[in-house]
C-alpha atoms as a PDB file:
ATOM      1  CA  UNK A   1     104.963  52.206 120.683  1.00  0.00           C
ATOM      2  CA  UNK A   2     102.474  52.030 123.466  1.00  0.00           C
ATOM      3  CA  UNK A   3     102.513  54.009 126.045  1.00  0.00           C
ATOM      4  CA  UNK A   4     103.871  53.411 129.428  1.00  0.00           C
ATOM      5  CA  UNK A   5     103.097  54.888 132.998  1.00  0.00           C
ATOM      6  CA  UNK A   6     107.160  55.914 133.267  1.00  0.00           C
ATOM      7  CA  UNK A   7     106.716  57.689 129.607  1.00  0.00           C
ATOM      8  CA  UNK A   8     103.961  59.014 130.396  1.00  0.00           C
ATOM      9  CA  UNK A   9     105.020  60.764 133.800  1.00  0.00           C
ATOM     10  CA  UNK A  10     108.624  61.778 132.228  1.00  0.00           C
ATOM     11  CA  UNK A  11     106.709  63.110 129.248  1.00  0.00           C
ATOM     12  CA  UNK A  12     106.882  67.632 130.042  1.00  0.00           C
ATOM     13  CA  UNK A  13     105.946  70.851 127.511  1.00  0.00           C
ATOM     14  CA  UNK A  14     108.785  72.069 125.403  1.00  0.00           C
ATOM     15  CA  UNK A  15     107.435  74.476 124.127  1.00  0.00           C
ATOM     16  CA  UNK A  16     106.287  72.639 121.823  1.00  0.00           C
ATOM     17  CA  UNK A  17     102.924  70.843 121.563  1.00  0.00           C
ATOM     18  CA  UNK A  18     103.560  66.922 121.670  1.00  0.00           C
ATOM     19  CA  UNK A  19     101.696  63.587 120.447  1.00  0.00           C
ATOM     20  CA  UNK A  20     102.468  59.850 122.315  1.00  0.00           C
ATOM     21  CA  UNK A  21     100.753  57.437 120.634  1.00  0.00           C
ATOM     22  CA  UNK A  22     100.152  54.605 122.229  1.00  0.00           C
ATOM     23  CA  UNK A  23      97.176  53.234 119.117  1.00  0.00           C
ATOM     24  CA  UNK A  24      94.104  52.529 117.524  1.00  0.00           C
ATOM     25  CA  UNK A  25      93.694  56.268 117.270  1.00  0.00           C
ATOM     26  CA  UNK A  26      94.629  57.085 121.638  1.00  0.00           C
ATOM     27  CA  UNK A  27      97.244  59.692 121.808  1.00  0.00           C
ATOM     28  CA  UNK A  28      98.545  62.025 124.806  1.00  0.00           C
ATOM     29  CA  UNK A  29      97.672  65.570 123.389  1.00  0.00           C
ATOM     30  CA  UNK A  30     100.947  67.590 125.749  1.00  0.00           C
ATOM     31  CA  UNK A  31     100.241  71.345 125.419  1.00  0.00           C
ATOM     32  CA  UNK A  32     103.098  74.111 125.133  1.00  0.00           C
ATOM     33  CA  UNK A  33     102.837  74.616 128.813  1.00  0.00           C
ATOM     34  CA  UNK A  34     103.171  70.327 129.607  1.00  0.00           C
ATOM     35  CA  UNK A  35      99.278  69.555 130.593  1.00  0.00           C
ATOM     36  CA  UNK A  36      98.495  66.859 128.923  1.00  0.00           C
ATOM     37  CA  UNK A  37      95.256  65.357 128.089  1.00  0.00           C
ATOM     38  CA  UNK A  38      93.361  61.806 125.903  1.00  0.00           C
ATOM     39  CA  UNK A  39      92.532  62.186 122.873  1.00  0.00           C
ATOM     40  CA  UNK A  40      92.030  59.885 120.359  1.00  0.00           C
ATOM     41  CA  UNK A  41      90.932  60.157 116.735  1.00  0.00           C
ATOM     42  CA  UNK A  42      88.797  58.141 114.494  1.00  0.00           C
ATOM     43  CA  UNK A  43      86.034  57.842 111.567  1.00  0.00           C
ATOM     44  CA  UNK A  44      83.071  59.442 111.118  1.00  0.00           C
ATOM     45  CA  UNK A  45      80.422  59.401 108.720  1.00  0.00           C
ATOM     46  CA  UNK A  46      83.465  59.586 106.235  1.00  0.00           C
ATOM     47  CA  UNK A  47      84.779  62.387 107.799  1.00  0.00           C
ATOM     48  CA  UNK A  48      88.311  62.671 111.035  1.00  0.00           C
ATOM     49  CA  UNK A  49      87.173  64.371 114.519  1.00  0.00           C
ATOM     50  CA  UNK A  50      89.221  64.483 117.876  1.00  0.00           C
ATOM     51  CA  UNK A  51      87.479  63.545 120.393  1.00  0.00           C
ATOM     52  CA  UNK A  52      89.244  64.446 124.237  1.00  0.00           C
ATOM     53  CA  UNK A  53      88.583  61.704 127.223  1.00  0.00           C
ATOM     54  CA  UNK A  54      89.614  63.993 130.250  1.00  0.00           C
ATOM     55  CA  UNK A  55      92.892  65.484 131.446  1.00  0.00           C
ATOM     56  CA  UNK A  56      95.575  63.052 133.071  1.00  0.00           C
ATOM     57  CA  UNK A  57      95.884  62.429 135.982  1.00  0.00           C
ATOM     58  CA  UNK A  58      93.382  62.389 136.946  1.00  0.00           C
ATOM     59  CA  UNK A  59      91.893  59.843 134.102  1.00  0.00           C
ATOM     60  CA  UNK A  60      95.555  56.988 133.739  1.00  0.00           C
ATOM     61  CA  UNK A  61      96.034  55.234 130.547  1.00  0.00           C
ATOM     62  CA  UNK A  62      94.292  52.400 131.641  1.00  0.00           C
ATOM     63  CA  UNK A  63      90.791  54.213 132.346  1.00  0.00           C
ATOM     64  CA  UNK A  64      92.298  56.043 128.734  1.00  0.00           C
ATOM     65  CA  UNK A  65      92.243  52.798 127.103  1.00  0.00           C
ATOM     66  CA  UNK A  66      88.855  51.761 128.293  1.00  0.00           C
ATOM     67  CA  UNK A  67      87.060  55.026 127.575  1.00  0.00           C
ATOM     68  CA  UNK A  68      88.598  53.799 123.915  1.00  0.00           C
ATOM     69  CA  UNK A  69      87.141  50.925 123.556  1.00  0.00           C
ATOM     70  CA  UNK A  70      83.680  52.545 124.931  1.00  0.00           C
ATOM     71  CA  UNK A  71      83.552  54.458 122.254  1.00  0.00           C
ATOM     72  CA  UNK A  72      84.160  52.674 119.518  1.00  0.00           C
ATOM     73  CA  UNK A  73      81.748  50.228 120.856  1.00  0.00           C
ATOM     74  CA  UNK A  74      79.380  53.119 119.867  1.00  0.00           C
ATOM     75  CA  UNK A  75      80.991  54.041 116.852  1.00  0.00           C
ATOM     76  CA  UNK A  76      80.484  50.249 115.766  1.00  0.00           C
ATOM     77  CA  UNK A  77      77.212  50.940 116.080  1.00  0.00           C
ATOM     78  CA  UNK A  78      76.787  53.951 113.960  1.00  0.00           C
ATOM     79  CA  UNK A  79      76.768  55.827 117.037  1.00  0.00           C
ATOM     80  CA  UNK A  80      79.451  58.944 117.097  1.00  0.00           C
ATOM     81  CA  UNK A  81      80.934  58.620 120.310  1.00  0.00           C
ATOM     82  CA  UNK A  82      81.155  62.631 120.440  1.00  0.00           C
END
């Protein structure tokens, strides 16, 4: 399921960590306090890694997707984006 701006705005902290997935490793991490940040899960050199892209709403959904694409290009060229 792809995320939408409406879904992201409505998401609230509920005392538990939440992850709302957008696809291709990108997800919105919601802390127990309700703080939201964009993260990208990927593999490099056989190891799972996590890149924090930035906070929502400072980084919009569109910008987070663009940054994921930039990081993906680095990964394809053999560079660890983090």
